[in-house]
């Protein structure tokens, strides 16, 4: 969890209380190399920070997978359009290396928005990373 704390510390002075609220809602999840983090057709429930690993955005096709993006360590990752609208994703998120993600659910992030002074900043920085 140190990497996500250092990430935010480099951007904003976060009150300890705000960090405690945000960090208490994070869950550490490990995905082995070549596993699906999110399968096309399923709804994205999490906004994730990559502590370790590389994530690929792809659309599976019969003859090949169309890769249209990557996310790397110390950045956020999500099928953000699916996360934001809580509808099915039109693409996969795949761990192309072993990955360690710190994840916050859609509902918990909305609690962070409402109960902390920096919640909106956290959301905005995550969106900028994903974009």
C-alpha atoms as a PDB file:
ATOM      1  CA  UNK A   1       0.000   0.000   0.000  1.00  0.00           C
ATOM      2  CA  UNK A   2       3.066   2.236   0.307  1.00  0.00           C
ATOM      3  CA  UNK A   3       3.185   2.873  -3.448  1.00  0.00           C
ATOM      4  CA  UNK A   4      -0.337   4.296  -3.614  1.00  0.00           C
ATOM      5  CA  UNK A   5       0.332   6.411  -0.506  1.00  0.00           C
ATOM      6  CA  UNK A   6       3.563   7.736  -2.056  1.00  0.00           C
ATOM      7  CA  UNK A   7       1.714   8.437  -5.304  1.00  0.00           C
ATOM      8  CA  UNK A   8      -0.809  10.681  -3.562  1.00  0.00           C
ATOM      9  CA  UNK A   9       1.787  12.226  -1.231  1.00  0.00           C
ATOM     10  CA  UNK A  10       3.689  13.418  -4.320  1.00  0.00           C
ATOM     11  CA  UNK A  11       0.545  15.202  -5.563  1.00  0.00           C
ATOM     12  CA  UNK A  12      -1.313  16.561  -2.542  1.00  0.00           C
ATOM     13  CA  UNK A  13      -1.042  16.970   1.192  1.00  0.00           C
ATOM     14  CA  UNK A  14      -3.660  14.504   2.393  1.00  0.00           C
ATOM     15  CA  UNK A  15      -4.963  14.714   5.935  1.00  0.00           C
ATOM     16  CA  UNK A  16      -4.355  11.532   7.934  1.00  0.00           C
ATOM     17  CA  UNK A  17      -8.094  11.121   8.470  1.00  0.00           C
ATOM     18  CA  UNK A  18      -8.775  11.264   4.708  1.00  0.00           C
ATOM     19  CA  UNK A  19      -6.004   8.715   4.046  1.00  0.00           C
ATOM     20  CA  UNK A  20      -7.380   6.432   6.765  1.00  0.00           C
ATOM     21  CA  UNK A  21     -10.857   6.501   5.206  1.00  0.00           C
ATOM     22  CA  UNK A  22      -9.551   5.914   1.672  1.00  0.00           C
ATOM     23  CA  UNK A  23      -6.997   3.242   2.588  1.00  0.00           C
ATOM     24  CA  UNK A  24      -9.480   1.328   4.753  1.00  0.00           C
ATOM     25  CA  UNK A  25     -11.544   0.701   1.631  1.00  0.00           C
ATOM     26  CA  UNK A  26      -8.673  -0.631  -0.480  1.00  0.00           C
ATOM     27  CA  UNK A  27      -8.264  -4.359  -0.984  1.00  0.00           C
ATOM     28  CA  UNK A  28      -5.107  -6.005  -2.260  1.00  0.00           C
ATOM     29  CA  UNK A  29      -5.728  -8.455  -5.104  1.00  0.00           C
ATOM     30  CA  UNK A  30      -3.137 -10.551  -6.922  1.00  0.00           C
ATOM     31  CA  UNK A  31      -3.640 -11.674 -10.522  1.00  0.00           C
ATOM     32  CA  UNK A  32      -1.289 -14.207 -12.108  1.00  0.00           C
ATOM     33  CA  UNK A  33       0.219 -13.592 -15.525  1.00  0.00           C
ATOM     34  CA  UNK A  34      -2.282 -14.051 -18.396  1.00  0.00           C
ATOM     35  CA  UNK A  35      -5.354 -13.937 -16.168  1.00  0.00           C
ATOM     36  CA  UNK A  36      -8.401 -11.794 -16.845  1.00  0.00           C
ATOM     37  CA  UNK A  37      -8.910  -8.938 -14.424  1.00  0.00           C
ATOM     38  CA  UNK A  38     -12.171  -8.076 -16.162  1.00  0.00           C
ATOM     39  CA  UNK A  39     -13.851 -10.096 -18.888  1.00  0.00           C
ATOM     40  CA  UNK A  40     -15.682  -8.412 -21.733  1.00  0.00           C
ATOM     41  CA  UNK A  41     -19.428  -8.414 -21.029  1.00  0.00           C
ATOM     42  CA  UNK A  42     -19.018  -8.084 -17.266  1.00  0.00           C
ATOM     43  CA  UNK A  43     -19.423  -4.866 -15.312  1.00  0.00           C
ATOM     44  CA  UNK A  44     -16.354  -3.158 -13.873  1.00  0.00           C
ATOM     45  CA  UNK A  45     -16.834  -2.899 -10.127  1.00  0.00           C
ATOM     46  CA  UNK A  46     -13.382  -1.577  -9.188  1.00  0.00           C
ATOM     47  CA  UNK A  47     -10.955   1.240  -9.690  1.00  0.00           C
ATOM     48  CA  UNK A  48      -7.484  -0.237  -9.207  1.00  0.00           C
ATOM     49  CA  UNK A  49      -3.973   1.060  -8.567  1.00  0.00           C
ATOM     50  CA  UNK A  50      -1.181  -1.088 -10.019  1.00  0.00           C
ATOM     51  CA  UNK A  51       1.469  -1.737  -7.388  1.00  0.00           C
ATOM     52  CA  UNK A  52       3.192  -4.308  -9.570  1.00  0.00           C
ATOM     53  CA  UNK A  53       2.693  -5.507 -13.131  1.00  0.00           C
ATOM     54  CA  UNK A  54       1.345  -4.567 -16.535  1.00  0.00           C
ATOM     55  CA  UNK A  55      -2.298  -4.668 -17.653  1.00  0.00           C
ATOM     56  CA  UNK A  56      -3.452  -4.920 -21.265  1.00  0.00           C
ATOM     57  CA  UNK A  57      -6.731  -3.554 -22.663  1.00  0.00           C
ATOM     58  CA  UNK A  58      -7.985  -5.779 -25.483  1.00  0.00           C
ATOM     59  CA  UNK A  59     -10.968  -6.811 -27.540  1.00  0.00           C
ATOM     60  CA  UNK A  60     -10.941 -10.548 -28.282  1.00  0.00           C
ATOM     61  CA  UNK A  61     -11.488 -11.519 -31.923  1.00  0.00           C
ATOM     62  CA  UNK A  62     -11.655 -14.943 -33.548  1.00  0.00           C
ATOM     63  CA  UNK A  63      -8.255 -14.703 -35.245  1.00  0.00           C
ATOM     64  CA  UNK A  64      -6.478 -12.355 -32.818  1.00  0.00           C
ATOM     65  CA  UNK A  65      -6.925 -10.039 -29.859  1.00  0.00           C
ATOM     66  CA  UNK A  66      -7.023  -6.341 -30.695  1.00  0.00           C
ATOM     67  CA  UNK A  67      -4.845  -4.591 -28.112  1.00  0.00           C
ATOM     68  CA  UNK A  68      -5.563  -0.902 -27.692  1.00  0.00           C
ATOM     69  CA  UNK A  69      -3.772   0.049 -24.512  1.00  0.00           C
ATOM     70  CA  UNK A  70      -1.602  -0.793 -21.547  1.00  0.00           C
ATOM     71  CA  UNK A  71      -1.394   0.348 -17.930  1.00  0.00           C
ATOM     72  CA  UNK A  72       1.788   0.142 -15.877  1.00  0.00           C
ATOM     73  CA  UNK A  73       2.991   0.161 -12.281  1.00  0.00           C
ATOM     74  CA  UNK A  74       2.169   3.210 -10.175  1.00  0.00           C
ATOM     75  CA  UNK A  75      -0.894   4.095 -12.208  1.00  0.00           C
ATOM     76  CA  UNK A  76      -4.624   3.494 -12.047  1.00  0.00           C
ATOM     77  CA  UNK A  77      -6.454   1.019 -14.231  1.00  0.00           C
ATOM     78  CA  UNK A  78     -10.111   0.272 -14.858  1.00  0.00           C
ATOM     79  CA  UNK A  79     -12.592  -0.300 -17.639  1.00  0.00           C
ATOM     80  CA  UNK A  80     -13.607   3.181 -16.655  1.00  0.00           C
ATOM     81  CA  UNK A  81     -16.574   3.591 -18.986  1.00  0.00           C
ATOM     82  CA  UNK A  82     -18.076   0.412 -17.506  1.00  0.00           C
ATOM     83  CA  UNK A  83     -17.127   1.492 -13.968  1.00  0.00           C
ATOM     84  CA  UNK A  84     -18.704   4.911 -14.349  1.00  0.00           C
ATOM     85  CA  UNK A  85     -21.963   3.709 -15.904  1.00  0.00           C
ATOM     86  CA  UNK A  86     -22.063   0.335 -14.114  1.00  0.00           C
ATOM     87  CA  UNK A  87     -22.795  -1.398 -17.424  1.00  0.00           C
ATOM     88  CA  UNK A  88     -21.098  -4.259 -19.258  1.00  0.00           C
ATOM     89  CA  UNK A  89     -17.567  -3.695 -20.524  1.00  0.00           C
ATOM     90  CA  UNK A  90     -16.902  -3.916 -24.251  1.00  0.00           C
ATOM     91  CA  UNK A  91     -13.316  -5.111 -23.699  1.00  0.00           C
ATOM     92  CA  UNK A  92     -11.063  -7.201 -21.452  1.00  0.00           C
ATOM     93  CA  UNK A  93      -8.482  -6.162 -18.887  1.00  0.00           C
ATOM     94  CA  UNK A  94      -5.737  -8.785 -18.793  1.00  0.00           C
ATOM     95  CA  UNK A  95      -2.706  -9.180 -16.534  1.00  0.00           C
ATOM     96  CA  UNK A  96       0.180  -9.720 -18.944  1.00  0.00           C
ATOM     97  CA  UNK A  97       2.581 -10.090 -16.019  1.00  0.00           C
ATOM     98  CA  UNK A  98       1.915 -11.100 -12.432  1.00  0.00           C
ATOM     99  CA  UNK A  99      -0.023  -8.130 -11.018  1.00  0.00           C
ATOM    100  CA  UNK A 100      -0.666  -6.725  -7.567  1.00  0.00           C
ATOM    101  CA  UNK A 101      -3.599  -4.306  -7.517  1.00  0.00           C
ATOM    102  CA  UNK A 102      -5.042  -2.152  -4.744  1.00  0.00           C
ATOM    103  CA  UNK A 103      -8.758  -1.897  -5.508  1.00  0.00           C
ATOM    104  CA  UNK A 104     -11.649   0.228  -4.347  1.00  0.00           C
ATOM    105  CA  UNK A 105     -15.218  -0.638  -5.251  1.00  0.00           C
ATOM    106  CA  UNK A 106     -17.629   1.697  -6.983  1.00  0.00           C
ATOM    107  CA  UNK A 107     -19.742   2.051  -3.831  1.00  0.00           C
ATOM    108  CA  UNK A 108     -16.745   2.636  -1.567  1.00  0.00           C
ATOM    109  CA  UNK A 109     -15.302   5.272  -3.897  1.00  0.00           C
ATOM    110  CA  UNK A 110     -18.598   7.145  -3.715  1.00  0.00           C
ATOM    111  CA  UNK A 111     -18.322   7.063   0.081  1.00  0.00           C
ATOM    112  CA  UNK A 112     -14.796   8.526  -0.206  1.00  0.00           C
ATOM    113  CA  UNK A 113     -16.193  11.290  -2.430  1.00  0.00           C
ATOM    114  CA  UNK A 114     -18.808  12.169   0.190  1.00  0.00           C
ATOM    115  CA  UNK A 115     -16.770  11.822   3.388  1.00  0.00           C
ATOM    116  CA  UNK A 116     -13.304  13.191   2.616  1.00  0.00           C
ATOM    117  CA  UNK A 117     -11.912  16.547   1.637  1.00  0.00           C
ATOM    118  CA  UNK A 118      -9.737  15.052  -1.113  1.00  0.00           C
ATOM    119  CA  UNK A 119     -12.151  12.480  -2.528  1.00  0.00           C
ATOM    120  CA  UNK A 120     -12.817  14.387  -5.730  1.00  0.00           C
ATOM    121  CA  UNK A 121      -9.076  14.927  -6.233  1.00  0.00           C
ATOM    122  CA  UNK A 122      -8.468  11.181  -5.864  1.00  0.00           C
ATOM    123  CA  UNK A 123     -11.139  10.445  -8.472  1.00  0.00           C
ATOM    124  CA  UNK A 124      -9.862  13.077 -10.871  1.00  0.00           C
ATOM    125  CA  UNK A 125      -6.242  11.864 -10.677  1.00  0.00           C
ATOM    126  CA  UNK A 126      -7.362   8.284 -11.260  1.00  0.00           C
ATOM    127  CA  UNK A 127      -9.374   9.316 -14.324  1.00  0.00           C
ATOM    128  CA  UNK A 128      -6.422  11.311 -15.691  1.00  0.00           C
ATOM    129  CA  UNK A 129      -4.158   8.279 -15.254  1.00  0.00           C
ATOM    130  CA  UNK A 130      -6.591   6.036 -17.088  1.00  0.00           C
ATOM    131  CA  UNK A 131      -7.059   8.564 -19.894  1.00  0.00           C
END
